[in-house]
């Protein structure tokens, strides 16, 4: 029984001794060390460049997100004002003004309902300033979202190159 256990153990030790004697460590030359230091420097430079680019892109993304949030809030407020204007329509008021217009007026008398007519016209036809603001904000929001998408794509590309296996 001892012989059966000893034979594989001796065989394994002999194999390991033969392997260690056949591999002799080679002393690194000065050129090898210099080449390795240069490669490490290049890796550090590339890593620093990648880190800086990533930080800049993240900062740009955050700025774009702030702009997008602000524009979205302004657009939402403008849409709310347009809905409020739409909700202010009052057919009874329009009919009342039409009845007053039918009545004969004194020549040279000021129109007491001029302000009301202007408001009613704004309600009926929409506020051109609000409509222009809505269109402008919608355009700006789309532009900022496109910028955000571009920065995000650049950041994802940088992430892929940073996580790619080194050759």
C-alpha atoms as a PDB file:
ATOM      1  CA  UNK A   1       0.000   0.000   0.000  1.00  0.00           C
ATOM      2  CA  UNK A   2       2.842   2.355   0.848  1.00  0.00           C
ATOM      3  CA  UNK A   3       4.450   1.614  -2.464  1.00  0.00           C
ATOM      4  CA  UNK A   4       1.267   2.537  -4.340  1.00  0.00           C
ATOM      5  CA  UNK A   5       1.157   5.904  -2.597  1.00  0.00           C
ATOM      6  CA  UNK A   6       4.854   6.619  -2.856  1.00  0.00           C
ATOM      7  CA  UNK A   7       5.189   5.934  -6.569  1.00  0.00           C
ATOM      8  CA  UNK A   8       2.816   8.701  -7.742  1.00  0.00           C
ATOM      9  CA  UNK A   9       4.263  11.112  -5.176  1.00  0.00           C
ATOM     10  CA  UNK A  10       7.826  10.456  -6.380  1.00  0.00           C
ATOM     11  CA  UNK A  11       6.719  10.717  -9.972  1.00  0.00           C
ATOM     12  CA  UNK A  12       5.045  14.100  -9.280  1.00  0.00           C
ATOM     13  CA  UNK A  13       8.071  15.463  -7.444  1.00  0.00           C
ATOM     14  CA  UNK A  14      10.371  14.339 -10.239  1.00  0.00           C
ATOM     15  CA  UNK A  15       8.116  15.977 -12.820  1.00  0.00           C
ATOM     16  CA  UNK A  16       8.027  19.260 -10.898  1.00  0.00           C
ATOM     17  CA  UNK A  17      11.783  19.255 -10.385  1.00  0.00           C
ATOM     18  CA  UNK A  18      12.300  18.707 -14.098  1.00  0.00           C
ATOM     19  CA  UNK A  19       9.936  21.557 -14.962  1.00  0.00           C
ATOM     20  CA  UNK A  20      11.564  24.062 -12.623  1.00  0.00           C
ATOM     21  CA  UNK A  21      15.051  23.267 -13.868  1.00  0.00           C
ATOM     22  CA  UNK A  22      14.080  23.658 -17.513  1.00  0.00           C
ATOM     23  CA  UNK A  23      12.686  27.206 -16.953  1.00  0.00           C
ATOM     24  CA  UNK A  24      15.495  29.564 -16.157  1.00  0.00           C
ATOM     25  CA  UNK A  25      14.563  33.132 -15.509  1.00  0.00           C
ATOM     26  CA  UNK A  26      16.149  35.526 -17.961  1.00  0.00           C
ATOM     27  CA  UNK A  27      17.554  38.710 -16.553  1.00  0.00           C
ATOM     28  CA  UNK A  28      15.752  41.726 -17.959  1.00  0.00           C
ATOM     29  CA  UNK A  29      17.963  44.031 -19.930  1.00  0.00           C
ATOM     30  CA  UNK A  30      17.934  47.774 -19.490  1.00  0.00           C
ATOM     31  CA  UNK A  31      16.202  48.156 -22.864  1.00  0.00           C
ATOM     32  CA  UNK A  32      13.406  45.850 -21.746  1.00  0.00           C
ATOM     33  CA  UNK A  33      12.878  47.907 -18.606  1.00  0.00           C
ATOM     34  CA  UNK A  34      12.895  51.180 -20.550  1.00  0.00           C
ATOM     35  CA  UNK A  35      10.398  49.768 -23.067  1.00  0.00           C
ATOM     36  CA  UNK A  36       8.128  48.644 -20.236  1.00  0.00           C
ATOM     37  CA  UNK A  37       8.325  52.064 -18.547  1.00  0.00           C
ATOM     38  CA  UNK A  38       7.476  53.762 -21.862  1.00  0.00           C
ATOM     39  CA  UNK A  39       4.506  51.440 -22.355  1.00  0.00           C
ATOM     40  CA  UNK A  40       3.311  52.187 -18.813  1.00  0.00           C
ATOM     41  CA  UNK A  41       3.654  55.930 -19.453  1.00  0.00           C
ATOM     42  CA  UNK A  42       1.612  55.631 -22.643  1.00  0.00           C
ATOM     43  CA  UNK A  43      -1.070  53.632 -20.811  1.00  0.00           C
ATOM     44  CA  UNK A  44      -1.218  56.263 -18.055  1.00  0.00           C
ATOM     45  CA  UNK A  45      -1.455  59.081 -20.604  1.00  0.00           C
ATOM     46  CA  UNK A  46      -4.250  57.302 -22.479  1.00  0.00           C
ATOM     47  CA  UNK A  47      -6.055  56.586 -19.226  1.00  0.00           C
ATOM     48  CA  UNK A  48      -5.775  60.217 -18.107  1.00  0.00           C
ATOM     49  CA  UNK A  49      -7.041  61.433 -21.493  1.00  0.00           C
ATOM     50  CA  UNK A  50      -9.971  59.030 -21.371  1.00  0.00           C
ATOM     51  CA  UNK A  51     -10.827  60.055 -17.813  1.00  0.00           C
ATOM     52  CA  UNK A  52     -10.723  63.745 -18.704  1.00  0.00           C
ATOM     53  CA  UNK A  53     -12.903  63.240 -21.774  1.00  0.00           C
ATOM     54  CA  UNK A  54     -15.390  61.216 -19.727  1.00  0.00           C
ATOM     55  CA  UNK A  55     -15.558  63.902 -17.039  1.00  0.00           C
ATOM     56  CA  UNK A  56     -16.117  66.620 -19.642  1.00  0.00           C
ATOM     57  CA  UNK A  57     -18.845  64.632 -21.360  1.00  0.00           C
ATOM     58  CA  UNK A  58     -20.587  63.920 -18.054  1.00  0.00           C
ATOM     59  CA  UNK A  59     -20.458  67.624 -17.190  1.00  0.00           C
ATOM     60  CA  UNK A  60     -21.882  68.510 -20.604  1.00  0.00           C
ATOM     61  CA  UNK A  61     -24.634  65.932 -20.152  1.00  0.00           C
ATOM     62  CA  UNK A  62     -25.538  67.457 -16.795  1.00  0.00           C
ATOM     63  CA  UNK A  63     -25.648  70.961 -18.280  1.00  0.00           C
ATOM     64  CA  UNK A  64     -27.838  69.717 -21.127  1.00  0.00           C
ATOM     65  CA  UNK A  65     -30.152  67.975 -18.671  1.00  0.00           C
ATOM     66  CA  UNK A  66     -30.502  71.261 -16.762  1.00  0.00           C
ATOM     67  CA  UNK A  67     -31.294  73.117 -19.969  1.00  0.00           C
ATOM     68  CA  UNK A  68     -33.782  70.470 -21.025  1.00  0.00           C
ATOM     69  CA  UNK A  69     -35.497  70.578 -17.627  1.00  0.00           C
ATOM     70  CA  UNK A  70     -35.756  74.370 -17.744  1.00  0.00           C
ATOM     71  CA  UNK A  71     -37.120  74.403 -21.289  1.00  0.00           C
ATOM     72  CA  UNK A  72     -39.570  71.610 -20.481  1.00  0.00           C
ATOM     73  CA  UNK A  73     -40.860  73.618 -17.508  1.00  0.00           C
ATOM     74  CA  UNK A  74     -41.241  76.754 -19.631  1.00  0.00           C
ATOM     75  CA  UNK A  75     -42.996  74.776 -22.351  1.00  0.00           C
ATOM     76  CA  UNK A  76     -45.314  73.205 -19.797  1.00  0.00           C
ATOM     77  CA  UNK A  77     -46.154  76.651 -18.370  1.00  0.00           C
ATOM     78  CA  UNK A  78     -46.852  77.993 -21.855  1.00  0.00           C
ATOM     79  CA  UNK A  79     -49.107  75.034 -22.645  1.00  0.00           C
ATOM     80  CA  UNK A  80     -50.937  75.570 -19.355  1.00  0.00           C
ATOM     81  CA  UNK A  81     -51.467  79.245 -20.241  1.00  0.00           C
ATOM     82  CA  UNK A  82     -52.797  78.219 -23.652  1.00  0.00           C
ATOM     83  CA  UNK A  83     -55.187  75.729 -22.017  1.00  0.00           C
ATOM     84  CA  UNK A  84     -56.295  78.400 -19.549  1.00  0.00           C
ATOM     85  CA  UNK A  85     -56.951  80.756 -22.442  1.00  0.00           C
ATOM     86  CA  UNK A  86     -58.897  78.047 -24.221  1.00  0.00           C
ATOM     87  CA  UNK A  87     -60.889  77.385 -21.055  1.00  0.00           C
ATOM     88  CA  UNK A  88     -61.742  81.068 -20.735  1.00  0.00           C
ATOM     89  CA  UNK A  89     -63.927  80.978 -23.824  1.00  0.00           C
ATOM     90  CA  UNK A  90     -67.375  82.183 -22.954  1.00  0.00           C
ATOM     91  CA  UNK A  91     -69.990  82.075 -25.691  1.00  0.00           C
ATOM     92  CA  UNK A  92     -72.337  84.153 -23.540  1.00  0.00           C
ATOM     93  CA  UNK A  93     -69.812  87.033 -23.477  1.00  0.00           C
ATOM     94  CA  UNK A  94     -69.427  86.926 -27.258  1.00  0.00           C
ATOM     95  CA  UNK A  95     -73.194  87.019 -27.682  1.00  0.00           C
ATOM     96  CA  UNK A  96     -73.486  89.917 -25.248  1.00  0.00           C
ATOM     97  CA  UNK A  97     -70.933  91.985 -27.181  1.00  0.00           C
ATOM     98  CA  UNK A  98     -72.727  91.247 -30.438  1.00  0.00           C
ATOM     99  CA  UNK A  99     -75.957  92.546 -28.879  1.00  0.00           C
ATOM    100  CA  UNK A 100     -74.244  95.748 -27.766  1.00  0.00           C
ATOM    101  CA  UNK A 101     -72.861  96.210 -31.291  1.00  0.00           C
ATOM    102  CA  UNK A 102     -76.405  96.070 -32.690  1.00  0.00           C
ATOM    103  CA  UNK A 103     -77.485  99.005 -30.561  1.00  0.00           C
ATOM    104  CA  UNK A 104     -77.002 102.450 -32.164  1.00  0.00           C
ATOM    105  CA  UNK A 105     -73.964 104.348 -30.903  1.00  0.00           C
ATOM    106  CA  UNK A 106     -73.496 108.012 -30.450  1.00  0.00           C
ATOM    107  CA  UNK A 107     -70.971 109.423 -32.907  1.00  0.00           C
ATOM    108  CA  UNK A 108     -67.607 110.101 -31.272  1.00  0.00           C
ATOM    109  CA  UNK A 109     -68.488 108.091 -28.158  1.00  0.00           C
ATOM    110  CA  UNK A 110     -65.610 105.954 -26.903  1.00  0.00           C
ATOM    111  CA  UNK A 111     -65.966 102.198 -27.137  1.00  0.00           C
ATOM    112  CA  UNK A 112     -66.394 101.117 -23.540  1.00  0.00           C
ATOM    113  CA  UNK A 113     -65.833  97.500 -24.471  1.00  0.00           C
ATOM    114  CA  UNK A 114     -62.576  97.922 -26.462  1.00  0.00           C
ATOM    115  CA  UNK A 115     -60.485  96.184 -23.804  1.00  0.00           C
ATOM    116  CA  UNK A 116     -63.033  93.429 -23.464  1.00  0.00           C
ATOM    117  CA  UNK A 117     -63.122  92.992 -27.249  1.00  0.00           C
ATOM    118  CA  UNK A 118     -59.324  92.685 -27.348  1.00  0.00           C
ATOM    119  CA  UNK A 119     -59.394  90.070 -24.593  1.00  0.00           C
ATOM    120  CA  UNK A 120     -62.192  88.205 -26.307  1.00  0.00           C
ATOM    121  CA  UNK A 121     -60.314  88.286 -29.611  1.00  0.00           C
ATOM    122  CA  UNK A 122     -57.230  86.890 -27.855  1.00  0.00           C
ATOM    123  CA  UNK A 123     -59.352  84.136 -26.335  1.00  0.00           C
ATOM    124  CA  UNK A 124     -61.117  83.291 -29.589  1.00  0.00           C
ATOM    125  CA  UNK A 125     -58.073  83.388 -31.870  1.00  0.00           C
ATOM    126  CA  UNK A 126     -55.390  82.405 -29.416  1.00  0.00           C
ATOM    127  CA  UNK A 127     -52.617  84.625 -28.168  1.00  0.00           C
ATOM    128  CA  UNK A 128     -50.085  85.007 -30.993  1.00  0.00           C
ATOM    129  CA  UNK A 129     -47.305  85.689 -28.485  1.00  0.00           C
ATOM    130  CA  UNK A 130     -48.115  82.466 -26.624  1.00  0.00           C
ATOM    131  CA  UNK A 131     -48.257  80.502 -29.868  1.00  0.00           C
ATOM    132  CA  UNK A 132     -44.885  81.914 -30.963  1.00  0.00           C
ATOM    133  CA  UNK A 133     -43.372  81.185 -27.556  1.00  0.00           C
ATOM    134  CA  UNK A 134     -44.724  77.639 -27.686  1.00  0.00           C
ATOM    135  CA  UNK A 135     -43.211  77.053 -31.139  1.00  0.00           C
ATOM    136  CA  UNK A 136     -39.882  78.581 -30.093  1.00  0.00           C
ATOM    137  CA  UNK A 137     -39.659  76.560 -26.886  1.00  0.00           C
ATOM    138  CA  UNK A 138     -40.585  73.365 -28.723  1.00  0.00           C
ATOM    139  CA  UNK A 139     -37.798  73.986 -31.248  1.00  0.00           C
ATOM    140  CA  UNK A 140     -35.236  74.814 -28.540  1.00  0.00           C
ATOM    141  CA  UNK A 141     -36.214  71.734 -26.548  1.00  0.00           C
ATOM    142  CA  UNK A 142     -35.749  69.502 -29.595  1.00  0.00           C
ATOM    143  CA  UNK A 143     -32.312  71.046 -30.258  1.00  0.00           C
ATOM    144  CA  UNK A 144     -31.178  70.550 -26.657  1.00  0.00           C
ATOM    145  CA  UNK A 145     -32.430  66.956 -26.662  1.00  0.00           C
ATOM    146  CA  UNK A 146     -30.482  66.312 -29.869  1.00  0.00           C
ATOM    147  CA  UNK A 147     -27.340  67.734 -28.213  1.00  0.00           C
ATOM    148  CA  UNK A 148     -27.925  65.512 -25.190  1.00  0.00           C
ATOM    149  CA  UNK A 149     -28.246  62.462 -27.447  1.00  0.00           C
ATOM    150  CA  UNK A 150     -24.982  63.392 -29.191  1.00  0.00           C
ATOM    151  CA  UNK A 151     -23.074  63.808 -25.914  1.00  0.00           C
ATOM    152  CA  UNK A 152     -24.554  60.597 -24.568  1.00  0.00           C
ATOM    153  CA  UNK A 153     -23.498  58.704 -27.715  1.00  0.00           C
ATOM    154  CA  UNK A 154     -19.962  60.075 -27.347  1.00  0.00           C
ATOM    155  CA  UNK A 155     -19.890  58.988 -23.724  1.00  0.00           C
ATOM    156  CA  UNK A 156     -21.108  55.493 -24.645  1.00  0.00           C
ATOM    157  CA  UNK A 157     -18.451  55.235 -27.375  1.00  0.00           C
ATOM    158  CA  UNK A 158     -15.804  56.302 -24.867  1.00  0.00           C
ATOM    159  CA  UNK A 159     -17.110  53.727 -22.415  1.00  0.00           C
ATOM    160  CA  UNK A 160     -16.862  50.991 -25.056  1.00  0.00           C
ATOM    161  CA  UNK A 161     -13.284  51.908 -25.954  1.00  0.00           C
ATOM    162  CA  UNK A 162     -12.310  52.075 -22.286  1.00  0.00           C
ATOM    163  CA  UNK A 163     -13.804  48.672 -21.528  1.00  0.00           C
ATOM    164  CA  UNK A 164     -12.419  47.026 -24.683  1.00  0.00           C
ATOM    165  CA  UNK A 165      -9.765  44.396 -23.992  1.00  0.00           C
ATOM    166  CA  UNK A 166      -6.176  45.641 -24.354  1.00  0.00           C
ATOM    167  CA  UNK A 167      -3.979  44.140 -27.020  1.00  0.00           C
END
